[in-house]
Amino acid sequence: MNLDWLDAFLISGLFEVVMVIGLGLLLHLELGLARIANFGVVGFWGLGMYTFGITYVKIDWPFGDPMQFLVCAVIATLAAGLSGWLVGWLIADQDTDGVLVGTLGFATVVLILATTQQDLTGGALGMGGLGFPYDIGTVKANELLWLLITASIVALILFFVWRVHRSPYGRLLIAIGSNEPLARSLGKPTYRTKLWLFAIASAAMGLLGAMYGVMVRFLEIANLGVEITLAAMVGLVLGGTVRVWGAVVGVFLTVGLFDILIQSYIPFPREWYTQAIPVLREAVFGATLIVVLLFRPLGVLGDMRRDKLMRKLHGR
């Protein structure tokens, strides 16, 4: 299959967009519905990425790919989910400030461990040795197939979020986010609900981190910066925190436009791409977040539309 017409930068840019959409959808469940302000997205994502890398590279498995990838990905997902359960157990009863401090603190702990545990993670030098669990020809063909596989996983996450919106569980999340004391007074298991939501969302974030590790094939602590959390947060807020498609629309308008259109197809001076462009990216994302919160706090798609759902539930 001849893929000379396909730009390699376009594949990596689209992968970044798809991955951030997945993180934004999971953040939508936490922030948009249950009002859990998780600012440690990069921590759970990074824990999954490094857990996958360590188990894939450091352990001498008696079998090869694709079974090796599947086992390591499951371990990474479980590790991120367990960490999400533990962090959720600590912050579930905290106010917004406590949740922010707790999640940011967890992301910082993951960064510190990745930096200091050089025997496991490679520290500042990074960790190599990762690869695709298959080989269908050229590197570009492998990357394109991995993009499609990751897009399929994100599509499943989107379907899950869409189903949550139309389920009693989703209505419980909305009730918790709207007025948790009232929901608790009505006998709803608010604490347990938030705890399991945090664990499941964190596990999925860890899986996306493992998928990213395969794509880049080399893990660096520079990946554990605030950029991942900021991209998912800005995309979600821009699109609309309470809408199912909010993260999809918002991430395309931010990460899609900047990482694909601006970085790949606008001829900036080469020296800009090492320092100026990354700094400009975060400045633009931060400014976008401020402007949206000031002038369009409900995002591009606006408030949650539940009129059709309510008519269906009440038989109208």
C-alpha atoms as a PDB file:
ATOM      1  CA  MET A   1       0.000   0.000   0.000  1.00  0.00           C
ATOM      2  CA  ASN A   2       1.556   3.276  -1.161  1.00  0.00           C
ATOM      3  CA  LEU A   3       1.197   6.030   1.443  1.00  0.00           C
ATOM      4  CA  ASP A   4       3.618   8.530  -0.071  1.00  0.00           C
ATOM      5  CA  TRP A   5       0.736  10.986  -0.458  1.00  0.00           C
ATOM      6  CA  LEU A   6       0.101  10.957   3.306  1.00  0.00           C
ATOM      7  CA  ASP A   7       2.078  13.396   5.443  1.00  0.00           C
ATOM      8  CA  ALA A   8       3.655  11.766   8.510  1.00  0.00           C
ATOM      9  CA  PHE A   9       3.081  14.974  10.501  1.00  0.00           C
ATOM     10  CA  LEU A  10      -0.617  14.746   9.669  1.00  0.00           C
ATOM     11  CA  ILE A  11      -0.792  11.239  11.159  1.00  0.00           C
ATOM     12  CA  SER A  12       0.897  12.330  14.392  1.00  0.00           C
ATOM     13  CA  GLY A  13      -1.256  15.456  14.550  1.00  0.00           C
ATOM     14  CA  LEU A  14      -4.465  13.494  14.087  1.00  0.00           C
ATOM     15  CA  PHE A  15      -3.336  11.002  16.720  1.00  0.00           C
ATOM     16  CA  GLU A  16      -2.827  13.875  19.169  1.00  0.00           C
ATOM     17  CA  VAL A  17      -6.318  15.176  18.389  1.00  0.00           C
ATOM     18  CA  VAL A  18      -7.938  11.762  18.814  1.00  0.00           C
ATOM     19  CA  MET A  19      -6.119  11.103  22.088  1.00  0.00           C
ATOM     20  CA  VAL A  20      -7.039  14.481  23.586  1.00  0.00           C
ATOM     21  CA  ILE A  21     -10.660  13.971  22.497  1.00  0.00           C
ATOM     22  CA  GLY A  22     -10.675  10.737  24.489  1.00  0.00           C
ATOM     23  CA  LEU A  23      -9.277  12.492  27.552  1.00  0.00           C
ATOM     24  CA  GLY A  24     -11.782  15.336  27.087  1.00  0.00           C
ATOM     25  CA  LEU A  25     -14.710  12.896  26.948  1.00  0.00           C
ATOM     26  CA  LEU A  26     -13.597  11.268  30.204  1.00  0.00           C
ATOM     27  CA  LEU A  27     -13.123  14.689  31.765  1.00  0.00           C
ATOM     28  CA  HIS A  28     -16.642  15.534  30.602  1.00  0.00           C
ATOM     29  CA  LEU A  29     -18.037  12.769  32.823  1.00  0.00           C
ATOM     30  CA  GLU A  30     -16.082  14.060  35.813  1.00  0.00           C
ATOM     31  CA  LEU A  31     -16.262  17.825  35.362  1.00  0.00           C
ATOM     32  CA  GLY A  32     -19.252  18.305  33.095  1.00  0.00           C
ATOM     33  CA  LEU A  33     -21.669  15.964  34.865  1.00  0.00           C
ATOM     34  CA  ALA A  34     -20.430  15.238  38.400  1.00  0.00           C
ATOM     35  CA  ARG A  35     -18.531  18.539  38.804  1.00  0.00           C
ATOM     36  CA  ILE A  36     -15.298  16.842  39.839  1.00  0.00           C
ATOM     37  CA  ALA A  37     -12.549  19.267  38.796  1.00  0.00           C
ATOM     38  CA  ASN A  38      -9.820  16.792  37.872  1.00  0.00           C
ATOM     39  CA  PHE A  39      -6.680  18.795  37.087  1.00  0.00           C
ATOM     40  CA  GLY A  40      -4.490  15.706  37.295  1.00  0.00           C
ATOM     41  CA  VAL A  41      -5.446  14.163  33.954  1.00  0.00           C
ATOM     42  CA  VAL A  42      -1.805  14.006  32.886  1.00  0.00           C
ATOM     43  CA  GLY A  43      -0.979  12.085  36.067  1.00  0.00           C
ATOM     44  CA  PHE A  44      -3.305   9.156  35.329  1.00  0.00           C
ATOM     45  CA  TRP A  45      -2.454   9.291  31.627  1.00  0.00           C
ATOM     46  CA  GLY A  46       1.276   9.384  32.415  1.00  0.00           C
ATOM     47  CA  LEU A  47       1.017   6.590  34.973  1.00  0.00           C
ATOM     48  CA  GLY A  48      -0.589   4.379  32.346  1.00  0.00           C
ATOM     49  CA  MET A  49       2.061   5.342  29.804  1.00  0.00           C
ATOM     50  CA  TYR A  50       5.019   4.592  32.081  1.00  0.00           C
ATOM     51  CA  THR A  51       3.470   1.464  33.602  1.00  0.00           C
ATOM     52  CA  PHE A  52       3.014   0.126  30.097  1.00  0.00           C
ATOM     53  CA  GLY A  53       6.563   1.092  29.136  1.00  0.00           C
ATOM     54  CA  ILE A  54       8.123  -0.496  32.237  1.00  0.00           C
ATOM     55  CA  THR A  55       6.209  -3.757  31.942  1.00  0.00           C
ATOM     56  CA  TYR A  56       6.795  -3.937  28.189  1.00  0.00           C
ATOM     57  CA  VAL A  57      10.544  -3.204  28.263  1.00  0.00           C
ATOM     58  CA  LYS A  58      11.777  -4.383  31.659  1.00  0.00           C
ATOM     59  CA  ILE A  59       9.935  -7.707  32.003  1.00  0.00           C
ATOM     60  CA  ASP A  60      11.083 -10.710  30.020  1.00  0.00           C
ATOM     61  CA  TRP A  61       7.735 -12.150  29.006  1.00  0.00           C
ATOM     62  CA  PRO A  62       7.559 -15.772  27.782  1.00  0.00           C
ATOM     63  CA  PHE A  63       5.486 -14.631  24.810  1.00  0.00           C
ATOM     64  CA  GLY A  64       5.714 -11.872  22.236  1.00  0.00           C
ATOM     65  CA  ASP A  65       3.357  -9.420  20.582  1.00  0.00           C
ATOM     66  CA  PRO A  66       0.474  -8.968  20.302  1.00  0.00           C
ATOM     67  CA  MET A  67      -0.091 -10.860  23.583  1.00  0.00           C
ATOM     68  CA  GLN A  68       2.721  -8.934  25.259  1.00  0.00           C
ATOM     69  CA  PHE A  69       1.108  -5.629  24.331  1.00  0.00           C
ATOM     70  CA  LEU A  70      -2.315  -6.772  25.537  1.00  0.00           C
ATOM     71  CA  VAL A  71      -0.998  -7.936  28.916  1.00  0.00           C
ATOM     72  CA  CYS A  72       1.041  -4.754  29.463  1.00  0.00           C
ATOM     73  CA  ALA A  73      -1.880  -2.547  28.398  1.00  0.00           C
ATOM     74  CA  VAL A  74      -4.191  -4.318  30.847  1.00  0.00           C
ATOM     75  CA  ILE A  75      -1.653  -3.852  33.653  1.00  0.00           C
ATOM     76  CA  ALA A  76      -1.309  -0.141  32.800  1.00  0.00           C
ATOM     77  CA  THR A  77      -5.081   0.288  32.732  1.00  0.00           C
ATOM     78  CA  LEU A  78      -5.498  -1.447  36.096  1.00  0.00           C
ATOM     79  CA  ALA A  79      -2.669   0.588  37.651  1.00  0.00           C
ATOM     80  CA  ALA A  80      -4.234   3.866  36.530  1.00  0.00           C
ATOM     81  CA  GLY A  81      -7.682   2.709  37.672  1.00  0.00           C
ATOM     82  CA  LEU A  82      -6.394   1.687  41.106  1.00  0.00           C
ATOM     83  CA  SER A  83      -4.586   5.007  41.507  1.00  0.00           C
ATOM     84  CA  GLY A  84      -7.797   6.787  40.492  1.00  0.00           C
ATOM     85  CA  TRP A  85      -9.704   4.816  43.126  1.00  0.00           C
ATOM     86  CA  LEU A  86      -7.158   5.760  45.803  1.00  0.00           C
ATOM     87  CA  VAL A  87      -7.087   9.433  44.815  1.00  0.00           C
ATOM     88  CA  GLY A  88     -10.874   9.463  44.574  1.00  0.00           C
ATOM     89  CA  TRP A  89     -11.101   7.957  48.056  1.00  0.00           C
ATOM     90  CA  LEU A  90      -9.042  10.898  49.349  1.00  0.00           C
ATOM     91  CA  ILE A  91     -10.845  13.698  47.511  1.00  0.00           C
ATOM     92  CA  ALA A  92     -14.436  12.467  47.129  1.00  0.00           C
ATOM     93  CA  ASP A  93     -15.619  14.410  50.186  1.00  0.00           C
ATOM     94  CA  GLN A  94     -13.445  17.463  49.534  1.00  0.00           C
ATOM     95  CA  ASP A  95     -14.615  20.790  48.154  1.00  0.00           C
ATOM     96  CA  THR A  96     -13.441  22.110  44.793  1.00  0.00           C
ATOM     97  CA  ASP A  97     -10.192  23.477  46.202  1.00  0.00           C
ATOM     98  CA  GLY A  98      -9.385  20.161  47.836  1.00  0.00           C
ATOM     99  CA  VAL A  99     -10.058  18.262  44.596  1.00  0.00           C
ATOM    100  CA  LEU A 100      -7.808  20.631  42.643  1.00  0.00           C
ATOM    101  CA  VAL A 101      -4.956  20.294  45.131  1.00  0.00           C
ATOM    102  CA  GLY A 102      -5.333  16.525  45.376  1.00  0.00           C
ATOM    103  CA  THR A 103      -5.369  15.858  41.634  1.00  0.00           C
ATOM    104  CA  LEU A 104      -2.581  18.323  40.891  1.00  0.00           C
ATOM    105  CA  GLY A 105      -0.561  16.771  43.697  1.00  0.00           C
ATOM    106  CA  PHE A 106      -0.997  13.310  42.210  1.00  0.00           C
ATOM    107  CA  ALA A 107       0.186  14.515  38.797  1.00  0.00           C
ATOM    108  CA  THR A 108       3.245  16.043  40.477  1.00  0.00           C
ATOM    109  CA  VAL A 109       4.006  12.778  42.295  1.00  0.00           C
ATOM    110  CA  VAL A 110       3.898  10.864  38.984  1.00  0.00           C
ATOM    111  CA  LEU A 111       6.292  13.390  37.421  1.00  0.00           C
ATOM    112  CA  ILE A 112       8.690  13.156  40.368  1.00  0.00           C
ATOM    113  CA  LEU A 113       8.680   9.349  40.302  1.00  0.00           C
ATOM    114  CA  ALA A 114       9.258   9.275  36.551  1.00  0.00           C
ATOM    115  CA  THR A 115      12.198  11.647  37.004  1.00  0.00           C
ATOM    116  CA  THR A 116      13.871  10.043  40.015  1.00  0.00           C
ATOM    117  CA  GLN A 117      13.343   6.308  39.360  1.00  0.00           C
ATOM    118  CA  GLN A 118      15.925   6.178  36.592  1.00  0.00           C
ATOM    119  CA  ASP A 119      16.417   2.410  36.754  1.00  0.00           C
ATOM    120  CA  LEU A 120      12.775   1.906  35.804  1.00  0.00           C
ATOM    121  CA  THR A 121      11.816   4.935  33.737  1.00  0.00           C
ATOM    122  CA  GLY A 122      15.138   6.134  32.342  1.00  0.00           C
ATOM    123  CA  GLY A 123      14.673   9.467  34.132  1.00  0.00           C
ATOM    124  CA  ALA A 124      15.555  12.537  32.126  1.00  0.00           C
ATOM    125  CA  LEU A 125      17.185  10.374  29.455  1.00  0.00           C
ATOM    126  CA  GLY A 126      13.894   8.688  28.621  1.00  0.00           C
ATOM    127  CA  MET A 127      12.914   5.110  27.866  1.00  0.00           C
ATOM    128  CA  GLY A 128      13.064   3.446  24.473  1.00  0.00           C
ATOM    129  CA  GLY A 129      12.397  -0.055  23.237  1.00  0.00           C
ATOM    130  CA  LEU A 130       8.653   0.294  22.646  1.00  0.00           C
ATOM    131  CA  GLY A 131       7.129  -0.678  19.344  1.00  0.00           C
ATOM    132  CA  PHE A 132       3.966  -1.592  17.521  1.00  0.00           C
ATOM    133  CA  PRO A 133       2.513  -5.029  18.333  1.00  0.00           C
ATOM    134  CA  TYR A 134       2.449  -5.756  14.611  1.00  0.00           C
ATOM    135  CA  ASP A 135       4.350  -4.969  11.415  1.00  0.00           C
ATOM    136  CA  ILE A 136       2.381  -4.402   8.223  1.00  0.00           C
ATOM    137  CA  GLY A 137       5.184  -2.790   6.271  1.00  0.00           C
ATOM    138  CA  THR A 138       6.467   0.770   6.554  1.00  0.00           C
ATOM    139  CA  VAL A 139       6.542   2.917   9.678  1.00  0.00           C
ATOM    140  CA  LYS A 140       3.935   5.206   8.154  1.00  0.00           C
ATOM    141  CA  ALA A 141       1.576   2.280   7.546  1.00  0.00           C
ATOM    142  CA  ASN A 142       2.036   1.066  11.126  1.00  0.00           C
ATOM    143  CA  GLU A 143       1.341   4.546  12.479  1.00  0.00           C
ATOM    144  CA  LEU A 144      -1.768   4.941  10.341  1.00  0.00           C
ATOM    145  CA  LEU A 145      -3.161   1.622  11.558  1.00  0.00           C
ATOM    146  CA  TRP A 146      -2.389   2.576  15.173  1.00  0.00           C
ATOM    147  CA  LEU A 147      -4.219   5.860  14.632  1.00  0.00           C
ATOM    148  CA  LEU A 148      -7.264   3.935  13.425  1.00  0.00           C
ATOM    149  CA  ILE A 149      -7.093   1.527  16.393  1.00  0.00           C
ATOM    150  CA  THR A 150      -6.855   4.420  18.856  1.00  0.00           C
ATOM    151  CA  ALA A 151      -9.711   6.213  17.084  1.00  0.00           C
ATOM    152  CA  SER A 152     -11.813   3.057  17.516  1.00  0.00           C
ATOM    153  CA  ILE A 153     -11.118   3.049  21.267  1.00  0.00           C
ATOM    154  CA  VAL A 154     -12.049   6.734  21.516  1.00  0.00           C
ATOM    155  CA  ALA A 155     -15.217   5.999  19.517  1.00  0.00           C
ATOM    156  CA  LEU A 156     -16.118   3.390  22.153  1.00  0.00           C
ATOM    157  CA  ILE A 157     -15.508   5.979  24.875  1.00  0.00           C
ATOM    158  CA  LEU A 158     -17.795   8.401  23.005  1.00  0.00           C
ATOM    159  CA  PHE A 159     -20.488   5.727  22.753  1.00  0.00           C
ATOM    160  CA  PHE A 160     -20.141   4.998  26.489  1.00  0.00           C
ATOM    161  CA  VAL A 161     -20.491   8.706  27.331  1.00  0.00           C
ATOM    162  CA  TRP A 162     -23.524   8.967  25.044  1.00  0.00           C
ATOM    163  CA  ARG A 163     -25.128   5.995  26.802  1.00  0.00           C
ATOM    164  CA  VAL A 164     -24.366   7.457  30.229  1.00  0.00           C
ATOM    165  CA  HIS A 165     -26.306  10.586  29.307  1.00  0.00           C
ATOM    166  CA  ARG A 166     -29.352   8.433  28.622  1.00  0.00           C
ATOM    167  CA  SER A 167     -29.159   6.193  31.668  1.00  0.00           C
ATOM    168  CA  PRO A 168     -30.210   6.434  35.336  1.00  0.00           C
ATOM    169  CA  TYR A 169     -26.508   6.468  36.185  1.00  0.00           C
ATOM    170  CA  GLY A 170     -26.056   9.602  34.096  1.00  0.00           C
ATOM    171  CA  ARG A 171     -28.996  11.305  35.791  1.00  0.00           C
ATOM    172  CA  LEU A 172     -27.407  10.433  39.137  1.00  0.00           C
ATOM    173  CA  LEU A 173     -24.134  12.062  38.042  1.00  0.00           C
ATOM    174  CA  ILE A 174     -26.031  15.171  36.984  1.00  0.00           C
ATOM    175  CA  ALA A 175     -27.849  15.242  40.318  1.00  0.00           C
ATOM    176  CA  ILE A 176     -24.549  14.971  42.180  1.00  0.00           C
ATOM    177  CA  GLY A 177     -23.055  17.777  40.138  1.00  0.00           C
ATOM    178  CA  SER A 178     -26.112  20.001  40.555  1.00  0.00           C
ATOM    179  CA  ASN A 179     -26.733  19.507  44.275  1.00  0.00           C
ATOM    180  CA  GLU A 180     -24.841  16.731  46.003  1.00  0.00           C
ATOM    181  CA  PRO A 181     -26.281  17.322  49.528  1.00  0.00           C
ATOM    182  CA  LEU A 182     -29.807  17.062  48.124  1.00  0.00           C
ATOM    183  CA  ALA A 183     -28.970  13.871  46.229  1.00  0.00           C
ATOM    184  CA  ARG A 184     -27.420  12.404  49.383  1.00  0.00           C
ATOM    185  CA  SER A 185     -30.456  13.340  51.463  1.00  0.00           C
ATOM    186  CA  LEU A 186     -32.615  11.364  49.025  1.00  0.00           C
ATOM    187  CA  GLY A 187     -30.581   8.226  49.725  1.00  0.00           C
ATOM    188  CA  LYS A 188     -28.397   8.318  46.629  1.00  0.00           C
ATOM    189  CA  PRO A 189     -24.912   6.724  46.993  1.00  0.00           C
ATOM    190  CA  THR A 190     -23.066   9.910  46.046  1.00  0.00           C
ATOM    191  CA  TYR A 191     -19.708   8.984  47.573  1.00  0.00           C
ATOM    192  CA  ARG A 192     -19.562   5.525  46.003  1.00  0.00           C
ATOM    193  CA  THR A 193     -20.746   6.877  42.664  1.00  0.00           C
ATOM    194  CA  LYS A 194     -18.021   9.520  42.514  1.00  0.00           C
ATOM    195  CA  LEU A 195     -15.410   7.021  43.660  1.00  0.00           C
ATOM    196  CA  TRP A 196     -16.173   4.507  40.912  1.00  0.00           C
ATOM    197  CA  LEU A 197     -16.511   7.239  38.302  1.00  0.00           C
ATOM    198  CA  PHE A 198     -13.038   8.484  39.156  1.00  0.00           C
ATOM    199  CA  ALA A 199     -11.588   4.974  39.064  1.00  0.00           C
ATOM    200  CA  ILE A 200     -13.147   4.062  35.695  1.00  0.00           C
ATOM    201  CA  ALA A 201     -12.229   7.376  34.057  1.00  0.00           C
ATOM    202  CA  SER A 202      -8.667   7.137  35.386  1.00  0.00           C
ATOM    203  CA  ALA A 203      -8.324   3.583  34.045  1.00  0.00           C
ATOM    204  CA  ALA A 204      -9.385   4.737  30.573  1.00  0.00           C
ATOM    205  CA  MET A 205      -6.924   7.637  30.777  1.00  0.00           C
ATOM    206  CA  GLY A 206      -4.188   5.134  31.588  1.00  0.00           C
ATOM    207  CA  LEU A 207      -5.131   3.048  28.556  1.00  0.00           C
ATOM    208  CA  LEU A 208      -4.851   6.126  26.332  1.00  0.00           C
ATOM    209  CA  GLY A 209      -1.424   6.754  27.868  1.00  0.00           C
ATOM    210  CA  ALA A 210      -0.358   3.238  26.889  1.00  0.00           C
ATOM    211  CA  MET A 211      -1.620   3.810  23.339  1.00  0.00           C
ATOM    212  CA  TYR A 212       0.409   7.025  23.192  1.00  0.00           C
ATOM    213  CA  GLY A 213       3.547   5.211  24.370  1.00  0.00           C
ATOM    214  CA  VAL A 214       3.287   2.781  21.468  1.00  0.00           C
ATOM    215  CA  MET A 215       2.809   5.618  18.993  1.00  0.00           C
ATOM    216  CA  VAL A 216       5.841   7.654  20.083  1.00  0.00           C
ATOM    217  CA  ARG A 217       7.955   4.552  20.945  1.00  0.00           C
ATOM    218  CA  PHE A 218      10.100   6.641  23.315  1.00  0.00           C
ATOM    219  CA  LEU A 219       8.924   7.942  26.696  1.00  0.00           C
ATOM    220  CA  GLU A 220      10.148  11.278  28.026  1.00  0.00           C
ATOM    221  CA  ILE A 221       9.293  13.106  31.229  1.00  0.00           C
ATOM    222  CA  ALA A 222       8.683  16.202  29.095  1.00  0.00           C
ATOM    223  CA  ASN A 223       5.413  14.519  28.107  1.00  0.00           C
ATOM    224  CA  LEU A 224       4.187  14.781  31.706  1.00  0.00           C
ATOM    225  CA  GLY A 225       3.794  18.550  31.672  1.00  0.00           C
ATOM    226  CA  VAL A 226       0.546  20.417  32.144  1.00  0.00           C
ATOM    227  CA  GLU A 227       0.027  20.542  28.366  1.00  0.00           C
ATOM    228  CA  ILE A 228      -2.069  17.366  28.228  1.00  0.00           C
ATOM    229  CA  THR A 229      -4.410  18.464  31.015  1.00  0.00           C
ATOM    230  CA  LEU A 230      -4.661  21.984  29.591  1.00  0.00           C
ATOM    231  CA  ALA A 231      -5.459  20.722  26.079  1.00  0.00           C
ATOM    232  CA  ALA A 232      -8.239  18.430  27.316  1.00  0.00           C
ATOM    233  CA  MET A 233      -9.617  21.094  29.656  1.00  0.00           C
ATOM    234  CA  VAL A 234      -9.592  23.913  27.089  1.00  0.00           C
ATOM    235  CA  GLY A 235     -11.125  21.729  24.401  1.00  0.00           C
ATOM    236  CA  LEU A 236     -13.911  20.588  26.730  1.00  0.00           C
ATOM    237  CA  VAL A 237     -14.696  24.090  28.011  1.00  0.00           C
ATOM    238  CA  LEU A 238     -14.634  25.565  24.506  1.00  0.00           C
ATOM    239  CA  GLY A 239     -16.973  22.932  23.105  1.00  0.00           C
ATOM    240  CA  GLY A 240     -19.228  22.787  26.159  1.00  0.00           C
ATOM    241  CA  THR A 241     -18.580  20.915  29.391  1.00  0.00           C
ATOM    242  CA  VAL A 242     -22.101  19.488  29.676  1.00  0.00           C
ATOM    243  CA  ARG A 243     -22.558  18.366  26.070  1.00  0.00           C
ATOM    244  CA  VAL A 244     -21.627  14.916  24.774  1.00  0.00           C
ATOM    245  CA  TRP A 245     -19.980  16.348  21.655  1.00  0.00           C
ATOM    246  CA  GLY A 246     -18.400  19.271  23.507  1.00  0.00           C
ATOM    247  CA  ALA A 247     -14.955  17.687  23.808  1.00  0.00           C
ATOM    248  CA  VAL A 248     -14.974  16.572  20.171  1.00  0.00           C
ATOM    249  CA  VAL A 249     -15.848  20.026  18.814  1.00  0.00           C
ATOM    250  CA  GLY A 250     -13.612  21.893  21.247  1.00  0.00           C
ATOM    251  CA  VAL A 251     -10.512  19.762  20.685  1.00  0.00           C
ATOM    252  CA  PHE A 252     -10.831  20.077  16.904  1.00  0.00           C
ATOM    253  CA  LEU A 253     -11.051  23.872  17.300  1.00  0.00           C
ATOM    254  CA  THR A 254      -7.982  24.019  19.554  1.00  0.00           C
ATOM    255  CA  VAL A 255      -5.570  21.096  19.221  1.00  0.00           C
ATOM    256  CA  GLY A 256      -6.725  20.341  15.684  1.00  0.00           C
ATOM    257  CA  LEU A 257      -6.256  23.860  14.379  1.00  0.00           C
ATOM    258  CA  PHE A 258      -3.023  24.537  16.247  1.00  0.00           C
ATOM    259  CA  ASP A 259      -1.198  21.202  16.043  1.00  0.00           C
ATOM    260  CA  ILE A 260      -2.241  20.319  12.500  1.00  0.00           C
ATOM    261  CA  LEU A 261      -2.966  23.517  10.603  1.00  0.00           C
ATOM    262  CA  ILE A 262      -0.635  26.019  12.264  1.00  0.00           C
ATOM    263  CA  GLN A 263       2.330  23.814  13.198  1.00  0.00           C
ATOM    264  CA  SER A 264       2.318  21.620  10.097  1.00  0.00           C
ATOM    265  CA  TYR A 265       1.231  23.862   7.260  1.00  0.00           C
ATOM    266  CA  ILE A 266       2.253  27.427   8.158  1.00  0.00           C
ATOM    267  CA  PRO A 267       5.949  28.021   7.305  1.00  0.00           C
ATOM    268  CA  PHE A 268       7.359  29.332  10.595  1.00  0.00           C
ATOM    269  CA  PRO A 269      11.138  29.666  10.968  1.00  0.00           C
ATOM    270  CA  ARG A 270      12.649  26.308  11.927  1.00  0.00           C
ATOM    271  CA  GLU A 271      14.137  27.595  15.190  1.00  0.00           C
ATOM    272  CA  TRP A 272      10.667  28.560  16.442  1.00  0.00           C
ATOM    273  CA  TYR A 273       9.555  24.927  16.744  1.00  0.00           C
ATOM    274  CA  THR A 274      11.918  24.150  19.647  1.00  0.00           C
ATOM    275  CA  GLN A 275      10.864  26.903  22.075  1.00  0.00           C
ATOM    276  CA  ALA A 276       8.608  29.597  20.650  1.00  0.00           C
ATOM    277  CA  ILE A 277       5.828  27.395  19.224  1.00  0.00           C
ATOM    278  CA  PRO A 278       5.283  25.255  22.373  1.00  0.00           C
ATOM    279  CA  VAL A 279       5.178  28.386  24.538  1.00  0.00           C
ATOM    280  CA  LEU A 280       2.822  30.102  22.081  1.00  0.00           C
ATOM    281  CA  ARG A 281       0.578  27.027  22.094  1.00  0.00           C
ATOM    282  CA  GLU A 282       0.110  27.088  25.866  1.00  0.00           C
ATOM    283  CA  ALA A 283      -0.386  30.867  25.839  1.00  0.00           C
ATOM    284  CA  VAL A 284      -3.087  30.583  23.172  1.00  0.00           C
ATOM    285  CA  PHE A 285      -4.810  27.737  25.024  1.00  0.00           C
ATOM    286  CA  GLY A 286      -4.719  29.673  28.297  1.00  0.00           C
ATOM    287  CA  ALA A 287      -6.058  32.833  26.676  1.00  0.00           C
ATOM    288  CA  THR A 288      -8.793  30.808  24.952  1.00  0.00           C
ATOM    289  CA  LEU A 289      -9.861  29.319  28.285  1.00  0.00           C
ATOM    290  CA  ILE A 290     -10.104  32.778  29.878  1.00  0.00           C
ATOM    291  CA  VAL A 291     -12.051  34.295  26.976  1.00  0.00           C
ATOM    292  CA  VAL A 292     -14.511  31.401  26.836  1.00  0.00           C
ATOM    293  CA  LEU A 293     -15.139  31.488  30.582  1.00  0.00           C
ATOM    294  CA  LEU A 294     -15.757  35.241  30.405  1.00  0.00           C
ATOM    295  CA  PHE A 295     -17.949  35.487  27.320  1.00  0.00           C
ATOM    296  CA  ARG A 296     -19.247  31.986  26.575  1.00  0.00           C
ATOM    297  CA  PRO A 297     -19.100  29.974  29.829  1.00  0.00           C
ATOM    298  CA  LEU A 298     -21.353  27.231  28.425  1.00  0.00           C
ATOM    299  CA  GLY A 299     -19.081  26.736  25.402  1.00  0.00           C
ATOM    300  CA  VAL A 300     -19.814  26.696  21.686  1.00  0.00           C
ATOM    301  CA  LEU A 301     -22.567  24.082  21.964  1.00  0.00           C
ATOM    302  CA  GLY A 302     -24.207  25.746  24.962  1.00  0.00           C
ATOM    303  CA  ASP A 303     -26.259  24.161  27.730  1.00  0.00           C
ATOM    304  CA  MET A 304     -27.283  20.525  27.964  1.00  0.00           C
ATOM    305  CA  ARG A 305     -30.232  19.614  25.741  1.00  0.00           C
ATOM    306  CA  ARG A 306     -32.425  17.043  27.416  1.00  0.00           C
ATOM    307  CA  ASP A 307     -35.791  17.990  25.918  1.00  0.00           C
ATOM    308  CA  LYS A 308     -35.978  14.975  23.593  1.00  0.00           C
ATOM    309  CA  LEU A 309     -34.842  12.667  26.367  1.00  0.00           C
ATOM    310  CA  MET A 310     -37.418  14.041  28.796  1.00  0.00           C
ATOM    311  CA  ARG A 311     -40.209  13.635  26.246  1.00  0.00           C
ATOM    312  CA  LYS A 312     -39.117  10.043  25.674  1.00  0.00           C
ATOM    313  CA  LEU A 313     -39.007   9.270  29.366  1.00  0.00           C
ATOM    314  CA  HIS A 314     -42.436  10.754  30.006  1.00  0.00           C
ATOM    315  CA  GLY A 315     -44.022   9.257  26.886  1.00  0.00           C
ATOM    316  CA  ARG A 316     -44.698  12.531  25.109  1.00  0.00           C
END
